[in-house]
Amino acid sequence: MILGVSFDTIEENRRFVEKCDFNFRLLCDTNRSMGLAYGATDPGETGNARRVGVLVGPDGRIKDWQPKVVAKDYPAQILEKI
């Protein structure tokens, strides 16, 4: 399953997915805990988001981490890789 994660609200993510015509869902990480855990933001509320790509295996371990991705292209790229 391919998911994106955003620090925005459910409504903001819904509009963004529709605008960009994503073929995957966005999870809301409004407290940035997942972003911090996966290196997608700096600590603090003003930490900038980074568009990183993370492939997590069924065992919960990180299998691949990309420091910069284009959100719309990443799902196809990672599917080719696996």
PDB file of N, CA and C in Angstrom:
ATOM      1  N   MET A   1       0.849  -1.167   0.000  1.00  0.00           N
ATOM      2  CA  MET A   1       0.000   0.000   0.000  1.00  0.00           C
ATOM      3  C   MET A   1       0.900   1.237   0.000  1.00  0.00           C
ATOM      4  N   ILE A   2       0.583   2.179  -0.827  1.00  0.00           N
ATOM      5  CA  ILE A   2       1.346   3.420  -0.901  1.00  0.00           C
ATOM      6  C   ILE A   2       0.536   4.517  -0.237  1.00  0.00           C
ATOM      7  N   LEU A   3       1.174   5.202   0.705  1.00  0.00           N
ATOM      8  CA  LEU A   3       0.547   6.302   1.418  1.00  0.00           C
ATOM      9  C   LEU A   3       1.504   7.477   1.457  1.00  0.00           C
ATOM     10  N   GLY A   4       0.958   8.658   1.491  1.00  0.00           N
ATOM     11  CA  GLY A   4       1.738   9.857   1.732  1.00  0.00           C
ATOM     12  C   GLY A   4       1.409  10.354   3.123  1.00  0.00           C
ATOM     13  N   VAL A   5       2.276  11.161   3.657  1.00  0.00           N
ATOM     14  CA  VAL A   5       2.051  11.742   4.980  1.00  0.00           C
ATOM     15  C   VAL A   5       2.229  13.250   4.865  1.00  0.00           C
ATOM     16  N   SER A   6       1.320  13.983   5.464  1.00  0.00           N
ATOM     17  CA  SER A   6       1.355  15.437   5.420  1.00  0.00           C
ATOM     18  C   SER A   6       1.085  15.985   6.814  1.00  0.00           C
ATOM     19  N   PHE A   7       1.604  17.175   7.086  1.00  0.00           N
ATOM     20  CA  PHE A   7       1.361  17.826   8.372  1.00  0.00           C
ATOM     21  C   PHE A   7       0.051  18.603   8.366  1.00  0.00           C
ATOM     22  N   ASP A   8      -0.647  18.590   7.256  1.00  0.00           N
ATOM     23  CA  ASP A   8      -1.886  19.349   7.108  1.00  0.00           C
ATOM     24  C   ASP A   8      -3.084  18.580   7.671  1.00  0.00           C
ATOM     25  N   THR A   9      -4.215  19.276   7.737  1.00  0.00           N
ATOM     26  CA  THR A   9      -5.449  18.688   8.243  1.00  0.00           C
ATOM     27  C   THR A   9      -6.079  17.769   7.200  1.00  0.00           C
ATOM     28  N   ILE A  10      -7.080  17.037   7.603  1.00  0.00           N
ATOM     29  CA  ILE A  10      -7.796  16.135   6.696  1.00  0.00           C
ATOM     30  C   ILE A  10      -8.362  16.911   5.509  1.00  0.00           C
ATOM     31  N   GLU A  11      -9.010  18.037   5.780  1.00  0.00           N
ATOM     32  CA  GLU A  11      -9.619  18.826   4.705  1.00  0.00           C
ATOM     33  C   GLU A  11      -8.557  19.397   3.764  1.00  0.00           C
ATOM     34  N   GLU A  12      -7.464  19.897   4.312  1.00  0.00           N
ATOM     35  CA  GLU A  12      -6.388  20.432   3.463  1.00  0.00           C
ATOM     36  C   GLU A  12      -5.798  19.323   2.595  1.00  0.00           C
ATOM     37  N   ASN A  13      -5.613  18.142   3.164  1.00  0.00           N
ATOM     38  CA  ASN A  13      -5.079  17.017   2.394  1.00  0.00           C
ATOM     39  C   ASN A  13      -6.042  16.575   1.304  1.00  0.00           C
ATOM     40  N   ARG A  14      -7.343  16.551   1.602  1.00  0.00           N
ATOM     41  CA  ARG A  14      -8.342  16.165   0.601  1.00  0.00           C
ATOM     42  C   ARG A  14      -8.259  17.090  -0.607  1.00  0.00           C
ATOM     43  N   ARG A  15      -8.224  18.394  -0.351  1.00  0.00           N
ATOM     44  CA  ARG A  15      -8.154  19.363  -1.453  1.00  0.00           C
ATOM     45  C   ARG A  15      -6.846  19.217  -2.239  1.00  0.00           C
ATOM     46  N   PHE A  16      -5.743  18.979  -1.535  1.00  0.00           N
ATOM     47  CA  PHE A  16      -4.440  18.845  -2.191  1.00  0.00           C
ATOM     48  C   PHE A  16      -4.406  17.600  -3.077  1.00  0.00           C
ATOM     49  N   VAL A  17      -4.938  16.479  -2.594  1.00  0.00           N
ATOM     50  CA  VAL A  17      -4.981  15.240  -3.377  1.00  0.00           C
ATOM     51  C   VAL A  17      -5.821  15.444  -4.633  1.00  0.00           C
ATOM     52  N   GLU A  18      -6.963  16.108  -4.491  1.00  0.00           N
ATOM     53  CA  GLU A  18      -7.815  16.375  -5.657  1.00  0.00           C
ATOM     54  C   GLU A  18      -7.109  17.294  -6.648  1.00  0.00           C
ATOM     55  N   LYS A  19      -6.463  18.339  -6.159  1.00  0.00           N
ATOM     56  CA  LYS A  19      -5.772  19.299  -7.018  1.00  0.00           C
ATOM     57  C   LYS A  19      -4.637  18.633  -7.797  1.00  0.00           C
ATOM     58  N   CYS A  20      -3.882  17.770  -7.125  1.00  0.00           N
ATOM     59  CA  CYS A  20      -2.713  17.146  -7.747  1.00  0.00           C
ATOM     60  C   CYS A  20      -3.031  15.814  -8.412  1.00  0.00           C
ATOM     61  N   ASP A  21      -4.266  15.338  -8.250  1.00  0.00           N
ATOM     62  CA  ASP A  21      -4.698  14.077  -8.853  1.00  0.00           C
ATOM     63  C   ASP A  21      -3.805  12.903  -8.438  1.00  0.00           C
ATOM     64  N   PHE A  22      -3.476  12.847  -7.137  1.00  0.00           N
ATOM     65  CA  PHE A  22      -2.673  11.744  -6.624  1.00  0.00           C
ATOM     66  C   PHE A  22      -3.451  10.441  -6.718  1.00  0.00           C
ATOM     67  N   ASN A  23      -2.750   9.343  -6.904  1.00  0.00           N
ATOM     68  CA  ASN A  23      -3.377   8.022  -6.916  1.00  0.00           C
ATOM     69  C   ASN A  23      -3.076   7.279  -5.617  1.00  0.00           C
ATOM     70  N   PHE A  24      -2.851   8.022  -4.551  1.00  0.00           N
ATOM     71  CA  PHE A  24      -2.612   7.449  -3.230  1.00  0.00           C
ATOM     72  C   PHE A  24      -3.202   8.383  -2.179  1.00  0.00           C
ATOM     73  N   ARG A  25      -3.355   7.859  -0.979  1.00  0.00           N
ATOM     74  CA  ARG A  25      -3.931   8.636   0.115  1.00  0.00           C
ATOM     75  C   ARG A  25      -2.849   9.371   0.893  1.00  0.00           C
ATOM     76  N   LEU A  26      -3.257  10.450   1.541  1.00  0.00           N
ATOM     77  CA  LEU A  26      -2.377  11.177   2.439  1.00  0.00           C
ATOM     78  C   LEU A  26      -2.853  10.997   3.873  1.00  0.00           C
ATOM     79  N   LEU A  27      -1.954  10.597   4.736  1.00  0.00           N
ATOM     80  CA  LEU A  27      -2.244  10.525   6.163  1.00  0.00           C
ATOM     81  C   LEU A  27      -1.932  11.880   6.792  1.00  0.00           C
ATOM     82  N   CYS A  28      -2.657  12.228   7.839  1.00  0.00           N
ATOM     83  CA  CYS A  28      -2.423  13.486   8.546  1.00  0.00           C
ATOM     84  C   CYS A  28      -1.506  13.251   9.737  1.00  0.00           C
ATOM     85  N   ASP A  29      -0.433  13.997   9.779  1.00  0.00           N
ATOM     86  CA  ASP A  29       0.525  13.944  10.886  1.00  0.00           C
ATOM     87  C   ASP A  29       0.633  15.355  11.455  1.00  0.00           C
ATOM     88  N   THR A  30      -0.483  15.860  11.976  1.00  0.00           N
ATOM     89  CA  THR A  30      -0.532  17.254  12.397  1.00  0.00           C
ATOM     90  C   THR A  30       0.383  17.553  13.580  1.00  0.00           C
ATOM     91  N   ASN A  31       0.767  16.560  14.360  1.00  0.00           N
ATOM     92  CA  ASN A  31       1.707  16.803  15.462  1.00  0.00           C
ATOM     93  C   ASN A  31       3.153  16.502  15.063  1.00  0.00           C
ATOM     94  N   ARG A  32       3.377  16.117  13.804  1.00  0.00           N
ATOM     95  CA  ARG A  32       4.690  15.897  13.205  1.00  0.00           C
ATOM     96  C   ARG A  32       5.489  14.741  13.814  1.00  0.00           C
ATOM     97  N   SER A  33       4.854  13.876  14.568  1.00  0.00           N
ATOM     98  CA  SER A  33       5.583  12.777  15.210  1.00  0.00           C
ATOM     99  C   SER A  33       6.137  11.778  14.187  1.00  0.00           C
ATOM    100  N   MET A  34       5.356  11.446  13.185  1.00  0.00           N
ATOM    101  CA  MET A  34       5.836  10.523  12.156  1.00  0.00           C
ATOM    102  C   MET A  34       6.920  11.196  11.321  1.00  0.00           C
ATOM    103  N   GLY A  35       6.729  12.469  11.005  1.00  0.00           N
ATOM    104  CA  GLY A  35       7.723  13.209  10.245  1.00  0.00           C
ATOM    105  C   GLY A  35       9.072  13.245  10.944  1.00  0.00           C
ATOM    106  N   LEU A  36       9.052  13.434  12.246  1.00  0.00           N
ATOM    107  CA  LEU A  36      10.294  13.423  13.015  1.00  0.00           C
ATOM    108  C   LEU A  36      10.926  12.036  13.017  1.00  0.00           C
ATOM    109  N   ALA A  37      10.107  11.025  13.193  1.00  0.00           N
ATOM    110  CA  ALA A  37      10.624   9.648  13.264  1.00  0.00           C
ATOM    111  C   ALA A  37      11.290   9.215  11.959  1.00  0.00           C
ATOM    112  N   TYR A  38      10.780   9.690  10.833  1.00  0.00           N
ATOM    113  CA  TYR A  38      11.309   9.279   9.529  1.00  0.00           C
ATOM    114  C   TYR A  38      12.221  10.325   8.884  1.00  0.00           C
ATOM    115  N   GLY A  39      12.612  11.338   9.630  1.00  0.00           N
ATOM    116  CA  GLY A  39      13.533  12.332   9.097  1.00  0.00           C
ATOM    117  C   GLY A  39      12.941  13.241   8.048  1.00  0.00           C
ATOM    118  N   ALA A  40      11.635  13.483   8.141  1.00  0.00           N
ATOM    119  CA  ALA A  40      10.970  14.317   7.152  1.00  0.00           C
ATOM    120  C   ALA A  40      10.740  15.744   7.632  1.00  0.00           C
ATOM    121  N   THR A  41      11.241  16.072   8.810  1.00  0.00           N
ATOM    122  CA  THR A  41      11.119  17.437   9.330  1.00  0.00           C
ATOM    123  C   THR A  41      12.160  17.654  10.410  1.00  0.00           C
ATOM    124  N   ASP A  42      12.377  18.918  10.715  1.00  0.00           N
ATOM    125  CA  ASP A  42      13.239  19.289  11.829  1.00  0.00           C
ATOM    126  C   ASP A  42      12.376  19.409  13.078  1.00  0.00           C
ATOM    127  N   PRO A  43      12.971  19.249  14.264  1.00  0.00           N
ATOM    128  CA  PRO A  43      12.186  19.392  15.497  1.00  0.00           C
ATOM    129  C   PRO A  43      11.577  20.793  15.621  1.00  0.00           C
ATOM    130  N   GLY A  44      10.471  20.882  16.346  1.00  0.00           N
ATOM    131  CA  GLY A  44       9.803  22.153  16.587  1.00  0.00           C
ATOM    132  C   GLY A  44       8.655  22.380  15.630  1.00  0.00           C
ATOM    133  N   GLU A  45       7.744  23.229  16.040  1.00  0.00           N
ATOM    134  CA  GLU A  45       6.554  23.477  15.227  1.00  0.00           C
ATOM    135  C   GLU A  45       6.867  24.174  13.917  1.00  0.00           C
ATOM    136  N   THR A  46       7.964  24.893  13.849  1.00  0.00           N
ATOM    137  CA  THR A  46       8.293  25.603  12.625  1.00  0.00           C
ATOM    138  C   THR A  46       9.258  24.814  11.746  1.00  0.00           C
ATOM    139  N   GLY A  47       9.527  23.567  12.103  1.00  0.00           N
ATOM    140  CA  GLY A  47      10.417  22.742  11.291  1.00  0.00           C
ATOM    141  C   GLY A  47       9.868  22.563   9.896  1.00  0.00           C
ATOM    142  N   ASN A  48      10.704  22.759   8.916  1.00  0.00           N
ATOM    143  CA  ASN A  48      10.265  22.629   7.531  1.00  0.00           C
ATOM    144  C   ASN A  48      10.081  21.166   7.159  1.00  0.00           C
ATOM    145  N   ALA A  49       9.037  20.907   6.401  1.00  0.00           N
ATOM    146  CA  ALA A  49       8.793  19.555   5.892  1.00  0.00           C
ATOM    147  C   ALA A  49       9.743  19.278   4.735  1.00  0.00           C
ATOM    148  N   ARG A  50      10.193  18.038   4.664  1.00  0.00           N
ATOM    149  CA  ARG A  50      11.013  17.594   3.537  1.00  0.00           C
ATOM    150  C   ARG A  50      10.235  16.516   2.804  1.00  0.00           C
ATOM    151  N   ARG A  51      10.328  16.485   1.505  1.00  0.00           N
ATOM    152  CA  ARG A  51       9.666  15.434   0.722  1.00  0.00           C
ATOM    153  C   ARG A  51      10.615  14.262   0.607  1.00  0.00           C
ATOM    154  N   VAL A  52      10.582  13.425   1.619  1.00  0.00           N
ATOM    155  CA  VAL A  52      11.422  12.230   1.616  1.00  0.00           C
ATOM    156  C   VAL A  52      10.574  11.043   1.189  1.00  0.00           C
ATOM    157  N   GLY A  53      11.232   9.989   0.727  1.00  0.00           N
ATOM    158  CA  GLY A  53      10.544   8.756   0.374  1.00  0.00           C
ATOM    159  C   GLY A  53      11.017   7.648   1.299  1.00  0.00           C
ATOM    160  N   VAL A  54      10.074   6.951   1.904  1.00  0.00           N
ATOM    161  CA  VAL A  54      10.410   5.883   2.834  1.00  0.00           C
ATOM    162  C   VAL A  54       9.646   4.626   2.447  1.00  0.00           C
ATOM    163  N   LEU A  55      10.360   3.532   2.280  1.00  0.00           N
ATOM    164  CA  LEU A  55       9.739   2.236   2.032  1.00  0.00           C
ATOM    165  C   LEU A  55       9.856   1.438   3.317  1.00  0.00           C
ATOM    166  N   VAL A  56       8.701   1.099   3.895  1.00  0.00           N
ATOM    167  CA  VAL A  56       8.662   0.337   5.135  1.00  0.00           C
ATOM    168  C   VAL A  56       8.180  -1.066   4.805  1.00  0.00           C
ATOM    169  N   GLY A  57       8.956  -2.061   5.210  1.00  0.00           N
ATOM    170  CA  GLY A  57       8.612  -3.446   4.945  1.00  0.00           C
ATOM    171  C   GLY A  57       7.527  -3.962   5.859  1.00  0.00           C
ATOM    172  N   PRO A  58       6.992  -5.148   5.570  1.00  0.00           N
ATOM    173  CA  PRO A  58       5.953  -5.749   6.402  1.00  0.00           C
ATOM    174  C   PRO A  58       6.387  -5.948   7.852  1.00  0.00           C
ATOM    175  N   ASP A  59       7.706  -6.025   8.054  1.00  0.00           N
ATOM    176  CA  ASP A  59       8.232  -6.198   9.410  1.00  0.00           C
ATOM    177  C   ASP A  59       8.369  -4.882  10.158  1.00  0.00           C
ATOM    178  N   GLY A  60       7.995  -3.765   9.512  1.00  0.00           N
ATOM    179  CA  GLY A  60       8.067  -2.457  10.144  1.00  0.00           C
ATOM    180  C   GLY A  60       9.423  -1.783  10.023  1.00  0.00           C
ATOM    181  N   ARG A  61      10.365  -2.426   9.368  1.00  0.00           N
ATOM    182  CA  ARG A  61      11.705  -1.853   9.217  1.00  0.00           C
ATOM    183  C   ARG A  61      11.803  -1.052   7.924  1.00  0.00           C
ATOM    184  N   ILE A  62      12.610  -0.008   7.967  1.00  0.00           N
ATOM    185  CA  ILE A  62      12.826   0.812   6.785  1.00  0.00           C
ATOM    186  C   ILE A  62      13.680   0.030   5.796  1.00  0.00           C
ATOM    187  N   LYS A  63      13.167  -0.142   4.592  1.00  0.00           N
ATOM    188  CA  LYS A  63      13.871  -0.873   3.536  1.00  0.00           C
ATOM    189  C   LYS A  63      14.578   0.078   2.574  1.00  0.00           C
ATOM    190  N   ASP A  64      14.066   1.318   2.439  1.00  0.00           N
ATOM    191  CA  ASP A  64      14.658   2.292   1.542  1.00  0.00           C
ATOM    192  C   ASP A  64      14.267   3.676   2.038  1.00  0.00           C
ATOM    193  N   TRP A  65      15.216   4.611   1.977  1.00  0.00           N
ATOM    194  CA  TRP A  65      14.957   5.992   2.381  1.00  0.00           C
ATOM    195  C   TRP A  65      15.586   6.902   1.348  1.00  0.00           C
ATOM    196  N   GLN A  66      14.777   7.756   0.740  1.00  0.00           N
ATOM    197  CA  GLN A  66      15.251   8.696  -0.272  1.00  0.00           C
ATOM    198  C   GLN A  66      15.139  10.111   0.298  1.00  0.00           C
ATOM    199  N   PRO A  67      16.231  10.886   0.261  1.00  0.00           N
ATOM    200  CA  PRO A  67      16.231  12.207   0.882  1.00  0.00           C
ATOM    201  C   PRO A  67      15.394  13.260   0.176  1.00  0.00           C
ATOM    202  N   LYS A  68      15.038  13.026  -1.089  1.00  0.00           N
ATOM    203  CA  LYS A  68      14.240  14.014  -1.819  1.00  0.00           C
ATOM    204  C   LYS A  68      13.480  13.298  -2.927  1.00  0.00           C
ATOM    205  N   VAL A  69      12.155  13.451  -2.931  1.00  0.00           N
ATOM    206  CA  VAL A  69      11.335  12.821  -3.960  1.00  0.00           C
ATOM    207  C   VAL A  69      10.293  13.810  -4.466  1.00  0.00           C
ATOM    208  N   VAL A  70       9.776  13.533  -5.653  1.00  0.00           N
ATOM    209  CA  VAL A  70       8.622  14.249  -6.192  1.00  0.00           C
ATOM    210  C   VAL A  70       7.413  13.387  -5.842  1.00  0.00           C
ATOM    211  N   ALA A  71       6.517  13.928  -5.031  1.00  0.00           N
ATOM    212  CA  ALA A  71       5.414  13.136  -4.476  1.00  0.00           C
ATOM    213  C   ALA A  71       4.601  12.406  -5.537  1.00  0.00           C
ATOM    214  N   LYS A  72       4.335  13.053  -6.635  1.00  0.00           N
ATOM    215  CA  LYS A  72       3.494  12.435  -7.659  1.00  0.00           C
ATOM    216  C   LYS A  72       4.214  11.287  -8.366  1.00  0.00           C
ATOM    217  N   ASP A  73       5.541  11.350  -8.462  1.00  0.00           N
ATOM    218  CA  ASP A  73       6.315  10.340  -9.184  1.00  0.00           C
ATOM    219  C   ASP A  73       6.815   9.198  -8.308  1.00  0.00           C
ATOM    220  N   TYR A  74       6.950   9.442  -7.026  1.00  0.00           N
ATOM    221  CA  TYR A  74       7.577   8.462  -6.144  1.00  0.00           C
ATOM    222  C   TYR A  74       6.888   7.094  -6.101  1.00  0.00           C
ATOM    223  N   PRO A  75       5.550   7.016  -6.041  1.00  0.00           N
ATOM    224  CA  PRO A  75       4.931   5.688  -5.994  1.00  0.00           C
ATOM    225  C   PRO A  75       5.354   4.787  -7.161  1.00  0.00           C
ATOM    226  N   ALA A  76       5.335   5.296  -8.367  1.00  0.00           N
ATOM    227  CA  ALA A  76       5.735   4.483  -9.524  1.00  0.00           C
ATOM    228  C   ALA A  76       7.212   4.122  -9.447  1.00  0.00           C
ATOM    229  N   GLN A  77       8.035   5.058  -8.996  1.00  0.00           N
ATOM    230  CA  GLN A  77       9.471   4.801  -8.896  1.00  0.00           C
ATOM    231  C   GLN A  77       9.770   3.703  -7.878  1.00  0.00           C
ATOM    232  N   ILE A  78       9.116   3.738  -6.745  1.00  0.00           N
ATOM    233  CA  ILE A  78       9.408   2.737  -5.705  1.00  0.00           C
ATOM    234  C   ILE A  78       8.821   1.376  -6.110  1.00  0.00           C
ATOM    235  N   LEU A  79       7.691   1.369  -6.801  1.00  0.00           N
ATOM    236  CA  LEU A  79       7.125   0.103  -7.260  1.00  0.00           C
ATOM    237  C   LEU A  79       8.063  -0.573  -8.271  1.00  0.00           C
ATOM    238  N   GLU A  80       8.701   0.212  -9.120  1.00  0.00           N
ATOM    239  CA  GLU A  80       9.677  -0.348 -10.055  1.00  0.00           C
ATOM    240  C   GLU A  80      10.866  -0.953  -9.309  1.00  0.00           C
ATOM    241  N   LYS A  81      11.245  -0.292  -8.228  1.00  0.00           N
ATOM    242  CA  LYS A  81      12.409  -0.719  -7.455  1.00  0.00           C
ATOM    243  C   LYS A  81      12.158  -2.027  -6.699  1.00  0.00           C
ATOM    244  N   ILE A  82      10.935  -2.211  -6.235  1.00  0.00           N
ATOM    245  CA  ILE A  82      10.648  -3.427  -5.463  1.00  0.00           C
ATOM    246  C   ILE A  82      10.115  -4.504  -6.384  1.00  0.00           C
TER     247      ILE A  82
END
